[in-house]
Amino acid sequence: MLGYVGLAYAIGAPLFGIIKGAASFTVAWYFMIAFVAIGFIILVFVVIQIKRYQKKYIAEQAAKTNAK
């Protein structure tokens, strides 16, 4: 998990520099804020999906245990 965070930092800094070079400092910050917001929304969606999967898995394991 920490590898993904490190990768995000490794990609984010050069991306910020590229956007700043092509446009301006303010535009680059707007892009970074948008990327963070999109990433957070995706993160929340993934966490919800994982929780659903865990509930399903726990229910299946309980059913197997009760069937024995």
PDB file of N, CA and C in Angstrom:
ATOM      1  N   MET A   1       0.825  -1.196   0.000  1.00  0.00           N
ATOM      2  CA  MET A   1       0.000   0.000   0.000  1.00  0.00           C
ATOM      3  C   MET A   1       0.869   1.261   0.000  1.00  0.00           C
ATOM      4  N   LEU A   2       1.926   1.219   0.789  1.00  0.00           N
ATOM      5  CA  LEU A   2       2.796   2.390   0.826  1.00  0.00           C
ATOM      6  C   LEU A   2       3.503   2.609  -0.505  1.00  0.00           C
ATOM      7  N   GLY A   3       3.679   1.543  -1.268  1.00  0.00           N
ATOM      8  CA  GLY A   3       4.283   1.673  -2.589  1.00  0.00           C
ATOM      9  C   GLY A   3       3.430   2.520  -3.519  1.00  0.00           C
ATOM     10  N   TYR A   4       2.114   2.361  -3.420  1.00  0.00           N
ATOM     11  CA  TYR A   4       1.213   3.164  -4.249  1.00  0.00           C
ATOM     12  C   TYR A   4       1.284   4.641  -3.861  1.00  0.00           C
ATOM     13  N   VAL A   5       1.378   4.902  -2.559  1.00  0.00           N
ATOM     14  CA  VAL A   5       1.491   6.279  -2.100  1.00  0.00           C
ATOM     15  C   VAL A   5       2.793   6.889  -2.605  1.00  0.00           C
ATOM     16  N   GLY A   6       3.886   6.139  -2.497  1.00  0.00           N
ATOM     17  CA  GLY A   6       5.169   6.625  -2.992  1.00  0.00           C
ATOM     18  C   GLY A   6       5.134   6.865  -4.489  1.00  0.00           C
ATOM     19  N   LEU A   7       4.460   5.983  -5.204  1.00  0.00           N
ATOM     20  CA  LEU A   7       4.331   6.144  -6.652  1.00  0.00           C
ATOM     21  C   LEU A   7       3.543   7.401  -6.993  1.00  0.00           C
ATOM     22  N   ALA A   8       2.511   7.680  -6.229  1.00  0.00           N
ATOM     23  CA  ALA A   8       1.719   8.888  -6.462  1.00  0.00           C
ATOM     24  C   ALA A   8       2.579  10.143  -6.272  1.00  0.00           C
ATOM     25  N   TYR A   9       3.412  10.145  -5.233  1.00  0.00           N
ATOM     26  CA  TYR A   9       4.304  11.292  -5.033  1.00  0.00           C
ATOM     27  C   TYR A   9       5.336  11.379  -6.145  1.00  0.00           C
ATOM     28  N   ALA A  10       5.840  10.250  -6.592  1.00  0.00           N
ATOM     29  CA  ALA A  10       6.864  10.245  -7.639  1.00  0.00           C
ATOM     30  C   ALA A  10       6.297  10.749  -8.960  1.00  0.00           C
ATOM     31  N   ILE A  11       5.041  10.488  -9.218  1.00  0.00           N
ATOM     32  CA  ILE A  11       4.409  10.943 -10.463  1.00  0.00           C
ATOM     33  C   ILE A  11       3.864  12.358 -10.315  1.00  0.00           C
ATOM     34  N   GLY A  12       3.369  12.695  -9.120  1.00  0.00           N
ATOM     35  CA  GLY A  12       2.715  13.985  -8.906  1.00  0.00           C
ATOM     36  C   GLY A  12       3.628  15.180  -9.086  1.00  0.00           C
ATOM     37  N   ALA A  13       4.834  15.100  -8.557  1.00  0.00           N
ATOM     38  CA  ALA A  13       5.749  16.248  -8.637  1.00  0.00           C
ATOM     39  C   ALA A  13       6.146  16.570 -10.083  1.00  0.00           C
ATOM     40  N   PRO A  14       6.582  15.581 -10.873  1.00  0.00           N
ATOM     41  CA  PRO A  14       6.897  15.913 -12.267  1.00  0.00           C
ATOM     42  C   PRO A  14       5.671  16.364 -13.071  1.00  0.00           C
ATOM     43  N   LEU A  15       4.516  15.763 -12.766  1.00  0.00           N
ATOM     44  CA  LEU A  15       3.296  16.163 -13.463  1.00  0.00           C
ATOM     45  C   LEU A  15       2.968  17.622 -13.158  1.00  0.00           C
ATOM     46  N   PHE A  16       3.125  18.007 -11.892  1.00  0.00           N
ATOM     47  CA  PHE A  16       2.905  19.404 -11.512  1.00  0.00           C
ATOM     48  C   PHE A  16       3.841  20.321 -12.296  1.00  0.00           C
ATOM     49  N   GLY A  17       5.104  19.927 -12.403  1.00  0.00           N
ATOM     50  CA  GLY A  17       6.075  20.735 -13.142  1.00  0.00           C
ATOM     51  C   GLY A  17       5.734  20.853 -14.617  1.00  0.00           C
ATOM     52  N   ILE A  18       5.281  19.770 -15.198  1.00  0.00           N
ATOM     53  CA  ILE A  18       4.910  19.798 -16.625  1.00  0.00           C
ATOM     54  C   ILE A  18       3.723  20.724 -16.847  1.00  0.00           C
ATOM     55  N   ILE A  19       2.696  20.605 -15.979  1.00  0.00           N
ATOM     56  CA  ILE A  19       1.514  21.459 -16.125  1.00  0.00           C
ATOM     57  C   ILE A  19       1.890  22.923 -15.891  1.00  0.00           C
ATOM     58  N   LYS A  20       2.740  23.175 -14.883  1.00  0.00           N
ATOM     59  CA  LYS A  20       3.179  24.547 -14.598  1.00  0.00           C
ATOM     60  C   LYS A  20       3.946  25.126 -15.778  1.00  0.00           C
ATOM     61  N   GLY A  21       4.775  24.294 -16.405  1.00  0.00           N
ATOM     62  CA  GLY A  21       5.533  24.764 -17.564  1.00  0.00           C
ATOM     63  C   GLY A  21       4.652  25.067 -18.758  1.00  0.00           C
ATOM     64  N   ALA A  22       3.585  24.287 -18.921  1.00  0.00           N
ATOM     65  CA  ALA A  22       2.695  24.481 -20.062  1.00  0.00           C
ATOM     66  C   ALA A  22       1.701  25.614 -19.824  1.00  0.00           C
ATOM     67  N   ALA A  23       1.317  25.830 -18.579  1.00  0.00           N
ATOM     68  CA  ALA A  23       0.303  26.853 -18.295  1.00  0.00           C
ATOM     69  C   ALA A  23       0.861  27.844 -17.269  1.00  0.00           C
ATOM     70  N   SER A  24       0.351  27.761 -16.057  1.00  0.00           N
ATOM     71  CA  SER A  24       0.833  28.651 -14.998  1.00  0.00           C
ATOM     72  C   SER A  24       0.764  27.913 -13.661  1.00  0.00           C
ATOM     73  N   PHE A  25       1.318  28.554 -12.655  1.00  0.00           N
ATOM     74  CA  PHE A  25       1.344  27.957 -11.319  1.00  0.00           C
ATOM     75  C   PHE A  25      -0.083  27.725 -10.803  1.00  0.00           C
ATOM     76  N   THR A  26      -0.960  28.688 -10.999  1.00  0.00           N
ATOM     77  CA  THR A  26      -2.345  28.584 -10.528  1.00  0.00           C
ATOM     78  C   THR A  26      -3.079  27.447 -11.227  1.00  0.00           C
ATOM     79  N   VAL A  27      -2.905  27.345 -12.516  1.00  0.00           N
ATOM     80  CA  VAL A  27      -3.550  26.268 -13.271  1.00  0.00           C
ATOM     81  C   VAL A  27      -3.043  24.913 -12.799  1.00  0.00           C
ATOM     82  N   ALA A  28      -1.756  24.816 -12.546  1.00  0.00           N
ATOM     83  CA  ALA A  28      -1.183  23.561 -12.065  1.00  0.00           C
ATOM     84  C   ALA A  28      -1.795  23.176 -10.723  1.00  0.00           C
ATOM     85  N   TRP A  29      -1.987  24.140  -9.823  1.00  0.00           N
ATOM     86  CA  TRP A  29      -2.604  23.836  -8.529  1.00  0.00           C
ATOM     87  C   TRP A  29      -4.052  23.404  -8.700  1.00  0.00           C
ATOM     88  N   TYR A  30      -4.774  24.028  -9.610  1.00  0.00           N
ATOM     89  CA  TYR A  30      -6.159  23.606  -9.862  1.00  0.00           C
ATOM     90  C   TYR A  30      -6.200  22.161 -10.348  1.00  0.00           C
ATOM     91  N   PHE A  31      -5.279  21.807 -11.232  1.00  0.00           N
ATOM     92  CA  PHE A  31      -5.210  20.423 -11.711  1.00  0.00           C
ATOM     93  C   PHE A  31      -4.903  19.468 -10.561  1.00  0.00           C
ATOM     94  N   MET A  32      -3.964  19.832  -9.713  1.00  0.00           N
ATOM     95  CA  MET A  32      -3.598  18.959  -8.591  1.00  0.00           C
ATOM     96  C   MET A  32      -4.765  18.777  -7.626  1.00  0.00           C
ATOM     97  N   ILE A  33      -5.492  19.844  -7.352  1.00  0.00           N
ATOM     98  CA  ILE A  33      -6.669  19.743  -6.478  1.00  0.00           C
ATOM     99  C   ILE A  33      -7.709  18.847  -7.114  1.00  0.00           C
ATOM    100  N   ALA A  34      -7.904  18.970  -8.413  1.00  0.00           N
ATOM    101  CA  ALA A  34      -8.860  18.111  -9.114  1.00  0.00           C
ATOM    102  C   ALA A  34      -8.411  16.645  -9.063  1.00  0.00           C
ATOM    103  N   PHE A  35      -7.124  16.400  -9.259  1.00  0.00           N
ATOM    104  CA  PHE A  35      -6.616  15.023  -9.200  1.00  0.00           C
ATOM    105  C   PHE A  35      -6.795  14.427  -7.809  1.00  0.00           C
ATOM    106  N   VAL A  36      -6.551  15.219  -6.784  1.00  0.00           N
ATOM    107  CA  VAL A  36      -6.731  14.735  -5.408  1.00  0.00           C
ATOM    108  C   VAL A  36      -8.198  14.421  -5.151  1.00  0.00           C
ATOM    109  N   ALA A  37      -9.093  15.288  -5.597  1.00  0.00           N
ATOM    110  CA  ALA A  37     -10.528  15.056  -5.396  1.00  0.00           C
ATOM    111  C   ALA A  37     -10.980  13.783  -6.117  1.00  0.00           C
ATOM    112  N   ILE A  38     -10.545  13.621  -7.357  1.00  0.00           N
ATOM    113  CA  ILE A  38     -10.907  12.420  -8.119  1.00  0.00           C
ATOM    114  C   ILE A  38     -10.342  11.177  -7.441  1.00  0.00           C
ATOM    115  N   GLY A  39      -9.104  11.254  -6.999  1.00  0.00           N
ATOM    116  CA  GLY A  39      -8.493  10.122  -6.305  1.00  0.00           C
ATOM    117  C   GLY A  39      -9.231   9.768  -5.031  1.00  0.00           C
ATOM    118  N   PHE A  40      -9.662  10.773  -4.278  1.00  0.00           N
ATOM    119  CA  PHE A  40     -10.397  10.525  -3.042  1.00  0.00           C
ATOM    120  C   PHE A  40     -11.742   9.865  -3.332  1.00  0.00           C
ATOM    121  N   ILE A  41     -12.429  10.329  -4.357  1.00  0.00           N
ATOM    122  CA  ILE A  41     -13.714   9.727  -4.735  1.00  0.00           C
ATOM    123  C   ILE A  41     -13.520   8.271  -5.142  1.00  0.00           C
ATOM    124  N   ILE A  42     -12.501   7.994  -5.922  1.00  0.00           N
ATOM    125  CA  ILE A  42     -12.210   6.611  -6.316  1.00  0.00           C
ATOM    126  C   ILE A  42     -11.868   5.769  -5.094  1.00  0.00           C
ATOM    127  N   LEU A  43     -11.092   6.321  -4.169  1.00  0.00           N
ATOM    128  CA  LEU A  43     -10.736   5.609  -2.949  1.00  0.00           C
ATOM    129  C   LEU A  43     -11.970   5.242  -2.138  1.00  0.00           C
ATOM    130  N   VAL A  44     -12.888   6.174  -1.967  1.00  0.00           N
ATOM    131  CA  VAL A  44     -14.115   5.900  -1.216  1.00  0.00           C
ATOM    132  C   VAL A  44     -14.918   4.807  -1.914  1.00  0.00           C
ATOM    133  N   PHE A  45     -15.021   4.869  -3.231  1.00  0.00           N
ATOM    134  CA  PHE A  45     -15.751   3.858  -3.990  1.00  0.00           C
ATOM    135  C   PHE A  45     -15.134   2.472  -3.796  1.00  0.00           C
ATOM    136  N   VAL A  46     -13.820   2.391  -3.847  1.00  0.00           N
ATOM    137  CA  VAL A  46     -13.127   1.113  -3.694  1.00  0.00           C
ATOM    138  C   VAL A  46     -13.312   0.559  -2.277  1.00  0.00           C
ATOM    139  N   VAL A  47     -13.248   1.431  -1.277  1.00  0.00           N
ATOM    140  CA  VAL A  47     -13.451   0.980   0.098  1.00  0.00           C
ATOM    141  C   VAL A  47     -14.855   0.412   0.280  1.00  0.00           C
ATOM    142  N   ILE A  48     -15.848   1.045  -0.304  1.00  0.00           N
ATOM    143  CA  ILE A  48     -17.220   0.540  -0.231  1.00  0.00           C
ATOM    144  C   ILE A  48     -17.309  -0.827  -0.890  1.00  0.00           C
ATOM    145  N   GLN A  49     -16.677  -0.999  -2.042  1.00  0.00           N
ATOM    146  CA  GLN A  49     -16.695  -2.291  -2.732  1.00  0.00           C
ATOM    147  C   GLN A  49     -16.005  -3.366  -1.899  1.00  0.00           C
ATOM    148  N   ILE A  50     -14.893  -3.038  -1.275  1.00  0.00           N
ATOM    149  CA  ILE A  50     -14.169  -4.010  -0.454  1.00  0.00           C
ATOM    150  C   ILE A  50     -15.023  -4.420   0.740  1.00  0.00           C
ATOM    151  N   LYS A  51     -15.694  -3.460   1.374  1.00  0.00           N
ATOM    152  CA  LYS A  51     -16.558  -3.778   2.512  1.00  0.00           C
ATOM    153  C   LYS A  51     -17.691  -4.710   2.094  1.00  0.00           C
ATOM    154  N   ARG A  52     -18.278  -4.490   0.924  1.00  0.00           N
ATOM    155  CA  ARG A  52     -19.334  -5.385   0.425  1.00  0.00           C
ATOM    156  C   ARG A  52     -18.788  -6.796   0.203  1.00  0.00           C
ATOM    157  N   TYR A  53     -17.597  -6.870  -0.374  1.00  0.00           N
ATOM    158  CA  TYR A  53     -16.985  -8.162  -0.621  1.00  0.00           C
ATOM    159  C   TYR A  53     -16.691  -8.877   0.696  1.00  0.00           C
ATOM    160  N   GLN A  54     -16.206  -8.143   1.687  1.00  0.00           N
ATOM    161  CA  GLN A  54     -15.909  -8.744   2.983  1.00  0.00           C
ATOM    162  C   GLN A  54     -17.164  -9.286   3.646  1.00  0.00           C
ATOM    163  N   LYS A  55     -18.260  -8.548   3.587  1.00  0.00           N
ATOM    164  CA  LYS A  55     -19.516  -9.019   4.176  1.00  0.00           C
ATOM    165  C   LYS A  55     -19.983 -10.301   3.488  1.00  0.00           C
ATOM    166  N   LYS A  56     -19.875 -10.332   2.164  1.00  0.00           N
ATOM    167  CA  LYS A  56     -20.268 -11.520   1.406  1.00  0.00           C
ATOM    168  C   LYS A  56     -19.376 -12.701   1.786  1.00  0.00           C
ATOM    169  N   TYR A  57     -18.081 -12.475   1.889  1.00  0.00           N
ATOM    170  CA  TYR A  57     -17.138 -13.532   2.226  1.00  0.00           C
ATOM    171  C   TYR A  57     -17.390 -14.058   3.637  1.00  0.00           C
ATOM    172  N   ILE A  58     -17.628 -13.170   4.577  1.00  0.00           N
ATOM    173  CA  ILE A  58     -17.907 -13.585   5.953  1.00  0.00           C
ATOM    174  C   ILE A  58     -19.191 -14.399   6.019  1.00  0.00           C
ATOM    175  N   ALA A  59     -20.213 -13.982   5.273  1.00  0.00           N
ATOM    176  CA  ALA A  59     -21.471 -14.732   5.252  1.00  0.00           C
ATOM    177  C   ALA A  59     -21.264 -16.122   4.656  1.00  0.00           C
ATOM    178  N   GLU A  60     -20.463 -16.217   3.606  1.00  0.00           N
ATOM    179  CA  GLU A  60     -20.180 -17.529   2.999  1.00  0.00           C
ATOM    180  C   GLU A  60     -19.426 -18.424   3.973  1.00  0.00           C
ATOM    181  N   GLN A  61     -18.446 -17.860   4.678  1.00  0.00           N
ATOM    182  CA  GLN A  61     -17.686 -18.648   5.645  1.00  0.00           C
ATOM    183  C   GLN A  61     -18.567 -19.106   6.798  1.00  0.00           C
ATOM    184  N   ALA A  62     -19.473 -18.260   7.245  1.00  0.00           N
ATOM    185  CA  ALA A  62     -20.398 -18.639   8.313  1.00  0.00           C
ATOM    186  C   ALA A  62     -21.332 -19.744   7.852  1.00  0.00           C
ATOM    187  N   ALA A  63     -21.783 -19.675   6.601  1.00  0.00           N
ATOM    188  CA  ALA A  63     -22.658 -20.716   6.057  1.00  0.00           C
ATOM    189  C   ALA A  63     -21.924 -22.046   5.968  1.00  0.00           C
ATOM    190  N   LYS A  64     -20.650 -22.021   5.582  1.00  0.00           N
ATOM    191  CA  LYS A  64     -19.857 -23.252   5.513  1.00  0.00           C
ATOM    192  C   LYS A  64     -19.646 -23.836   6.897  1.00  0.00           C
ATOM    193  N   THR A  65     -19.386 -22.979   7.860  1.00  0.00           N
ATOM    194  CA  THR A  65     -19.167 -23.431   9.240  1.00  0.00           C
ATOM    195  C   THR A  65     -20.441 -24.044   9.814  1.00  0.00           C
ATOM    196  N   ASN A  66     -21.574 -23.437   9.540  1.00  0.00           N
ATOM    197  CA  ASN A  66     -22.849 -23.954  10.053  1.00  0.00           C
ATOM    198  C   ASN A  66     -23.269 -25.237   9.350  1.00  0.00           C
ATOM    199  N   ALA A  67     -22.813 -25.437   8.113  1.00  0.00           N
ATOM    200  CA  ALA A  67     -23.174 -26.637   7.345  1.00  0.00           C
ATOM    201  C   ALA A  67     -22.437 -27.866   7.853  1.00  0.00           C
ATOM    202  N   LYS A  68     -21.325 -27.678   8.549  1.00  0.00           N
ATOM    203  CA  LYS A  68     -20.525 -28.822   9.028  1.00  0.00           C
ATOM    204  C   LYS A  68     -21.181 -29.469  10.149  1.00  0.00           C
TER     205      LYS A  68
END
